[in-house]
């Protein structure tokens, strides 16, 4: 097994552990943003509908940010 393969396995293990830890801790999970985005892309959403749906689902996943106006 070469070094690149070992590092790949280690990286996947660490990402899986971080995902599970965030879910169990009840904190906003950054992995959810990727899941939400991919899910909306798979549904075929586009444009403003895509943007608003992703924003709404990300907000419900626990992410909040202020908008500078």
PDB file of N, CA and C in Angstrom:
ATOM      1  N   UNK A   1       0.862  -1.173   0.000  1.00  0.00           N
ATOM      2  CA  UNK A   1       0.000   0.000   0.000  1.00  0.00           C
ATOM      3  C   UNK A   1       0.909   1.237   0.000  1.00  0.00           C
ATOM      4  N   UNK A   2       0.666   2.147  -0.947  1.00  0.00           N
ATOM      5  CA  UNK A   2       1.539   3.322  -1.027  1.00  0.00           C
ATOM      6  C   UNK A   2       1.051   4.442  -0.096  1.00  0.00           C
ATOM      7  N   UNK A   3       1.879   5.459   0.024  1.00  0.00           N
ATOM      8  CA  UNK A   3       1.602   6.548   0.957  1.00  0.00           C
ATOM      9  C   UNK A   3       0.315   7.294   0.589  1.00  0.00           C
ATOM     10  N   UNK A   4       0.084   7.489  -0.697  1.00  0.00           N
ATOM     11  CA  UNK A   4      -1.121   8.213  -1.127  1.00  0.00           C
ATOM     12  C   UNK A   4      -2.392   7.452  -0.739  1.00  0.00           C
ATOM     13  N   UNK A   5      -2.373   6.139  -0.884  1.00  0.00           N
ATOM     14  CA  UNK A   5      -3.524   5.318  -0.508  1.00  0.00           C
ATOM     15  C   UNK A   5      -3.767   5.383   0.993  1.00  0.00           C
ATOM     16  N   UNK A   6      -2.705   5.306   1.765  1.00  0.00           N
ATOM     17  CA  UNK A   6      -2.819   5.377   3.229  1.00  0.00           C
ATOM     18  C   UNK A   6      -3.395   6.730   3.645  1.00  0.00           C
ATOM     19  N   UNK A   7      -2.889   7.808   3.047  1.00  0.00           N
ATOM     20  CA  UNK A   7      -3.380   9.149   3.380  1.00  0.00           C
ATOM     21  C   UNK A   7      -4.853   9.283   2.990  1.00  0.00           C
ATOM     22  N   UNK A   8      -5.242   8.709   1.850  1.00  0.00           N
ATOM     23  CA  UNK A   8      -6.643   8.746   1.432  1.00  0.00           C
ATOM     24  C   UNK A   8      -7.553   8.048   2.420  1.00  0.00           C
ATOM     25  N   UNK A   9      -7.140   6.869   2.878  1.00  0.00           N
ATOM     26  CA  UNK A   9      -7.930   6.133   3.877  1.00  0.00           C
ATOM     27  C   UNK A   9      -8.015   6.915   5.185  1.00  0.00           C
ATOM     28  N   UNK A  10      -6.903   7.482   5.592  1.00  0.00           N
ATOM     29  CA  UNK A  10      -6.882   8.263   6.824  1.00  0.00           C
ATOM     30  C   UNK A  10      -7.788   9.484   6.709  1.00  0.00           C
ATOM     31  N   UNK A  11      -7.725  10.180   5.576  1.00  0.00           N
ATOM     32  CA  UNK A  11      -8.564  11.367   5.381  1.00  0.00           C
ATOM     33  C   UNK A  11     -10.045  11.007   5.432  1.00  0.00           C
ATOM     34  N   UNK A  12     -10.445   9.922   4.767  1.00  0.00           N
ATOM     35  CA  UNK A  12     -11.852   9.509   4.801  1.00  0.00           C
ATOM     36  C   UNK A  12     -12.286   9.136   6.214  1.00  0.00           C
ATOM     37  N   UNK A  13     -11.406   8.485   6.960  1.00  0.00           N
ATOM     38  CA  UNK A  13     -11.717   8.111   8.337  1.00  0.00           C
ATOM     39  C   UNK A  13     -11.905   9.353   9.201  1.00  0.00           C
ATOM     40  N   UNK A  14     -11.018  10.330   9.049  1.00  0.00           N
ATOM     41  CA  UNK A  14     -11.124  11.566   9.829  1.00  0.00           C
ATOM     42  C   UNK A  14     -12.381  12.354   9.463  1.00  0.00           C
ATOM     43  N   UNK A  15     -12.716  12.422   8.179  1.00  0.00           N
ATOM     44  CA  UNK A  15     -13.929  13.127   7.761  1.00  0.00           C
ATOM     45  C   UNK A  15     -15.176  12.441   8.305  1.00  0.00           C
ATOM     46  N   UNK A  16     -15.194  11.125   8.250  1.00  0.00           N
ATOM     47  CA  UNK A  16     -16.334  10.368   8.782  1.00  0.00           C
ATOM     48  C   UNK A  16     -16.475  10.617  10.280  1.00  0.00           C
ATOM     49  N   UNK A  17     -15.348  10.618  11.000  1.00  0.00           N
ATOM     50  CA  UNK A  17     -15.388  10.853  12.447  1.00  0.00           C
ATOM     51  C   UNK A  17     -15.877  12.270  12.757  1.00  0.00           C
ATOM     52  N   UNK A  18     -15.421  13.257  11.985  1.00  0.00           N
ATOM     53  CA  UNK A  18     -15.857  14.644  12.208  1.00  0.00           C
ATOM     54  C   UNK A  18     -17.353  14.790  11.939  1.00  0.00           C
ATOM     55  N   UNK A  19     -17.839  14.138  10.888  1.00  0.00           N
ATOM     56  CA  UNK A  19     -19.266  14.184  10.554  1.00  0.00           C
ATOM     57  C   UNK A  19     -20.098  13.591  11.684  1.00  0.00           C
ATOM     58  N   UNK A  20     -19.724  12.436  12.149  1.00  0.00           N
ATOM     59  CA  UNK A  20     -20.472  11.786  13.239  1.00  0.00           C
ATOM     60  C   UNK A  20     -20.412  12.600  14.528  1.00  0.00           C
ATOM     61  N   UNK A  21     -19.258  13.159  14.834  1.00  0.00           N
ATOM     62  CA  UNK A  21     -19.104  13.947  16.057  1.00  0.00           C
ATOM     63  C   UNK A  21     -19.998  15.181  16.014  1.00  0.00           C
ATOM     64  N   UNK A  22     -20.023  15.867  14.890  1.00  0.00           N
ATOM     65  CA  UNK A  22     -20.867  17.058  14.769  1.00  0.00           C
ATOM     66  C   UNK A  22     -22.338  16.692  14.901  1.00  0.00           C
ATOM     67  N   UNK A  23     -22.748  15.583  14.302  1.00  0.00           N
ATOM     68  CA  UNK A  23     -24.149  15.155  14.405  1.00  0.00           C
ATOM     69  C   UNK A  23     -24.520  14.832  15.854  1.00  0.00           C
ATOM     70  N   UNK A  24     -23.655  14.121  16.534  1.00  0.00           N
ATOM     71  CA  UNK A  24     -23.949  13.731  17.922  1.00  0.00           C
ATOM     72  C   UNK A  24     -23.908  14.912  18.880  1.00  0.00           C
ATOM     73  N   UNK A  25     -23.084  15.911  18.575  1.00  0.00           N
ATOM     74  CA  UNK A  25     -22.949  17.069  19.454  1.00  0.00           C
ATOM     75  C   UNK A  25     -24.103  18.050  19.286  1.00  0.00           C
ATOM     76  N   UNK A  26     -24.871  17.911  18.212  1.00  0.00           N
ATOM     77  CA  UNK A  26     -25.998  18.798  17.990  1.00  0.00           C
ATOM     78  C   UNK A  26     -25.603  20.190  17.521  1.00  0.00           C
ATOM     79  N   UNK A  27     -24.397  20.318  16.985  1.00  0.00           N
ATOM     80  CA  UNK A  27     -23.949  21.603  16.461  1.00  0.00           C
ATOM     81  C   UNK A  27     -24.160  21.618  14.948  1.00  0.00           C
ATOM     82  N   UNK A  28     -24.221  22.798  14.337  1.00  0.00           N
ATOM     83  CA  UNK A  28     -24.346  22.840  12.883  1.00  0.00           C
ATOM     84  C   UNK A  28     -23.196  22.064  12.234  1.00  0.00           C
ATOM     85  N   UNK A  29     -23.550  21.218  11.293  1.00  0.00           N
ATOM     86  CA  UNK A  29     -22.596  20.315  10.675  1.00  0.00           C
ATOM     87  C   UNK A  29     -22.255  20.806   9.271  1.00  0.00           C
ATOM     88  N   UNK A  30     -21.012  21.223   9.031  1.00  0.00           N
ATOM     89  CA  UNK A  30     -20.634  21.713   7.703  1.00  0.00           C
ATOM     90  C   UNK A  30     -20.888  20.696   6.586  1.00  0.00           C
ATOM     91  N   UNK A  31     -20.870  19.419   6.895  1.00  0.00           N
ATOM     92  CA  UNK A  31     -21.127  18.400   5.886  1.00  0.00           C
ATOM     93  C   UNK A  31     -22.563  18.485   5.378  1.00  0.00           C
ATOM     94  N   UNK A  32     -23.461  18.997   6.203  1.00  0.00           N
ATOM     95  CA  UNK A  32     -24.854  19.141   5.789  1.00  0.00           C
ATOM     96  C   UNK A  32     -24.997  20.115   4.620  1.00  0.00           C
ATOM     97  N   UNK A  33     -24.155  21.136   4.568  1.00  0.00           N
ATOM     98  CA  UNK A  33     -24.236  22.096   3.467  1.00  0.00           C
ATOM     99  C   UNK A  33     -23.959  21.399   2.142  1.00  0.00           C
ATOM    100  N   UNK A  34     -22.960  20.546   2.118  1.00  0.00           N
ATOM    101  CA  UNK A  34     -22.666  19.798   0.888  1.00  0.00           C
ATOM    102  C   UNK A  34     -23.816  18.868   0.536  1.00  0.00           C
ATOM    103  N   UNK A  35     -24.376  18.187   1.516  1.00  0.00           N
ATOM    104  CA  UNK A  35     -25.496  17.277   1.261  1.00  0.00           C
ATOM    105  C   UNK A  35     -26.712  18.024   0.715  1.00  0.00           C
ATOM    106  N   UNK A  36     -27.012  19.160   1.333  1.00  0.00           N
ATOM    107  CA  UNK A  36     -28.154  19.966   0.906  1.00  0.00           C
ATOM    108  C   UNK A  36     -27.957  20.451  -0.530  1.00  0.00           C
ATOM    109  N   UNK A  37     -26.786  20.974  -0.815  1.00  0.00           N
ATOM    110  CA  UNK A  37     -26.500  21.485  -2.152  1.00  0.00           C
ATOM    111  C   UNK A  37     -26.598  20.390  -3.198  1.00  0.00           C
ATOM    112  N   UNK A  38     -26.003  19.240  -2.922  1.00  0.00           N
ATOM    113  CA  UNK A  38     -26.061  18.134  -3.878  1.00  0.00           C
ATOM    114  C   UNK A  38     -27.486  17.633  -4.069  1.00  0.00           C
ATOM    115  N   UNK A  39     -28.255  17.603  -2.991  1.00  0.00           N
ATOM    116  CA  UNK A  39     -29.646  17.165  -3.084  1.00  0.00           C
ATOM    117  C   UNK A  39     -30.453  18.109  -3.974  1.00  0.00           C
ATOM    118  N   UNK A  40     -30.260  19.403  -3.786  1.00  0.00           N
ATOM    119  CA  UNK A  40     -30.990  20.372  -4.599  1.00  0.00           C
ATOM    120  C   UNK A  40     -30.552  20.306  -6.062  1.00  0.00           C
ATOM    121  N   UNK A  41     -29.274  20.088  -6.306  1.00  0.00           N
ATOM    122  CA  UNK A  41     -28.805  19.935  -7.687  1.00  0.00           C
ATOM    123  C   UNK A  41     -29.418  18.696  -8.328  1.00  0.00           C
ATOM    124  N   UNK A  42     -29.535  17.621  -7.560  1.00  0.00           N
ATOM    125  CA  UNK A  42     -30.123  16.388  -8.076  1.00  0.00           C
ATOM    126  C   UNK A  42     -31.602  16.579  -8.406  1.00  0.00           C
ATOM    127  N   UNK A  43     -32.264  17.478  -7.705  1.00  0.00           N
ATOM    128  CA  UNK A  43     -33.682  17.760  -7.969  1.00  0.00           C
ATOM    129  C   UNK A  43     -33.868  18.620  -9.213  1.00  0.00           C
ATOM    130  N   UNK A  44     -32.776  19.165  -9.711  1.00  0.00           N
ATOM    131  CA  UNK A  44     -32.842  19.972 -10.924  1.00  0.00           C
ATOM    132  C   UNK A  44     -33.184  21.430 -10.690  1.00  0.00           C
ATOM    133  N   UNK A  45     -33.096  21.872  -9.468  1.00  0.00           N
ATOM    134  CA  UNK A  45     -33.372  23.277  -9.177  1.00  0.00           C
ATOM    135  C   UNK A  45     -32.287  24.148  -9.800  1.00  0.00           C
ATOM    136  N   UNK A  46     -32.664  25.370 -10.134  1.00  0.00           N
ATOM    137  CA  UNK A  46     -31.684  26.282 -10.701  1.00  0.00           C
ATOM    138  C   UNK A  46     -32.073  27.720 -10.391  1.00  0.00           C
ATOM    139  N   UNK A  47     -31.141  28.605 -10.588  1.00  0.00           N
ATOM    140  CA  UNK A  47     -31.389  30.031 -10.416  1.00  0.00           C
ATOM    141  C   UNK A  47     -31.804  30.412  -9.012  1.00  0.00           C
ATOM    142  N   UNK A  48     -32.743  31.349  -8.956  1.00  0.00           N
ATOM    143  CA  UNK A  48     -33.196  31.880  -7.672  1.00  0.00           C
ATOM    144  C   UNK A  48     -33.875  30.809  -6.830  1.00  0.00           C
ATOM    145  N   UNK A  49     -34.615  29.903  -7.476  1.00  0.00           N
ATOM    146  CA  UNK A  49     -35.259  28.827  -6.721  1.00  0.00           C
ATOM    147  C   UNK A  49     -34.226  27.976  -6.003  1.00  0.00           C
ATOM    148  N   UNK A  50     -33.157  27.649  -6.703  1.00  0.00           N
ATOM    149  CA  UNK A  50     -32.079  26.860  -6.108  1.00  0.00           C
ATOM    150  C   UNK A  50     -31.462  27.608  -4.928  1.00  0.00           C
ATOM    151  N   UNK A  51     -31.120  28.871  -5.151  1.00  0.00           N
ATOM    152  CA  UNK A  51     -30.489  29.676  -4.112  1.00  0.00           C
ATOM    153  C   UNK A  51     -31.366  29.761  -2.865  1.00  0.00           C
ATOM    154  N   UNK A  52     -32.640  30.072  -3.051  1.00  0.00           N
ATOM    155  CA  UNK A  52     -33.527  30.245  -1.896  1.00  0.00           C
ATOM    156  C   UNK A  52     -33.783  28.918  -1.173  1.00  0.00           C
ATOM    157  N   UNK A  53     -33.923  27.843  -1.904  1.00  0.00           N
ATOM    158  CA  UNK A  53     -34.150  26.550  -1.271  1.00  0.00           C
ATOM    159  C   UNK A  53     -32.929  26.120  -0.460  1.00  0.00           C
ATOM    160  N   UNK A  54     -31.747  26.291  -1.036  1.00  0.00           N
ATOM    161  CA  UNK A  54     -30.515  25.939  -0.306  1.00  0.00           C
ATOM    162  C   UNK A  54     -30.384  26.813   0.934  1.00  0.00           C
ATOM    163  N   UNK A  55     -30.607  28.121   0.790  1.00  0.00           N
ATOM    164  CA  UNK A  55     -30.505  29.027   1.932  1.00  0.00           C
ATOM    165  C   UNK A  55     -31.477  28.639   3.041  1.00  0.00           C
ATOM    166  N   UNK A  56     -32.697  28.308   2.673  1.00  0.00           N
ATOM    167  CA  UNK A  56     -33.703  27.926   3.663  1.00  0.00           C
ATOM    168  C   UNK A  56     -33.304  26.643   4.386  1.00  0.00           C
ATOM    169  N   UNK A  57     -32.872  25.646   3.629  1.00  0.00           N
ATOM    170  CA  UNK A  57     -32.497  24.367   4.246  1.00  0.00           C
ATOM    171  C   UNK A  57     -31.240  24.504   5.105  1.00  0.00           C
ATOM    172  N   UNK A  58     -30.287  25.316   4.669  1.00  0.00           N
ATOM    173  CA  UNK A  58     -29.072  25.546   5.456  1.00  0.00           C
ATOM    174  C   UNK A  58     -29.425  26.263   6.756  1.00  0.00           C
ATOM    175  N   UNK A  59     -30.325  27.219   6.673  1.00  0.00           N
ATOM    176  CA  UNK A  59     -30.781  27.930   7.877  1.00  0.00           C
ATOM    177  C   UNK A  59     -31.425  26.951   8.861  1.00  0.00           C
ATOM    178  N   UNK A  60     -32.273  26.061   8.357  1.00  0.00           N
ATOM    179  CA  UNK A  60     -32.925  25.067   9.217  1.00  0.00           C
ATOM    180  C   UNK A  60     -31.939  24.038   9.768  1.00  0.00           C
ATOM    181  N   UNK A  61     -30.795  23.887   9.110  1.00  0.00           N
ATOM    182  CA  UNK A  61     -29.757  22.968   9.597  1.00  0.00           C
ATOM    183  C   UNK A  61     -28.944  23.602  10.723  1.00  0.00           C
ATOM    184  N   UNK A  62     -29.211  24.880  11.020  1.00  0.00           N
ATOM    185  CA  UNK A  62     -28.558  25.522  12.151  1.00  0.00           C
ATOM    186  C   UNK A  62     -27.543  26.577  11.812  1.00  0.00           C
ATOM    187  N   UNK A  63     -27.385  26.892  10.536  1.00  0.00           N
ATOM    188  CA  UNK A  63     -26.422  27.912  10.137  1.00  0.00           C
ATOM    189  C   UNK A  63     -27.129  29.246  10.003  1.00  0.00           C
ATOM    190  N   UNK A  64     -26.544  30.264  10.605  1.00  0.00           N
ATOM    191  CA  UNK A  64     -27.105  31.613  10.570  1.00  0.00           C
ATOM    192  C   UNK A  64     -25.975  32.596  10.330  1.00  0.00           C
ATOM    193  N   UNK A  65     -26.229  33.594   9.529  1.00  0.00           N
ATOM    194  CA  UNK A  65     -25.238  34.630   9.301  1.00  0.00           C
ATOM    195  C   UNK A  65     -25.950  35.920   9.024  1.00  0.00           C
ATOM    196  N   UNK A  66     -25.238  37.011   9.279  1.00  0.00           N
ATOM    197  CA  UNK A  66     -25.802  38.344   9.079  1.00  0.00           C
ATOM    198  C   UNK A  66     -25.456  38.801   7.666  1.00  0.00           C
ATOM    199  N   UNK A  67     -26.341  39.562   7.082  1.00  0.00           N
ATOM    200  CA  UNK A  67     -26.107  40.124   5.754  1.00  0.00           C
ATOM    201  C   UNK A  67     -25.704  41.587   5.921  1.00  0.00           C
ATOM    202  N   UNK A  68     -24.651  41.955   5.240  1.00  0.00           N
ATOM    203  CA  UNK A  68     -24.228  43.355   5.244  1.00  0.00           C
ATOM    204  C   UNK A  68     -25.016  44.087   4.165  1.00  0.00           C
ATOM    205  N   UNK A  69     -25.756  45.094   4.558  1.00  0.00           N
ATOM    206  CA  UNK A  69     -26.545  45.863   3.594  1.00  0.00           C
ATOM    207  C   UNK A  69     -26.033  47.263   3.482  1.00  0.00           C
TER     208      UNK A  69
END
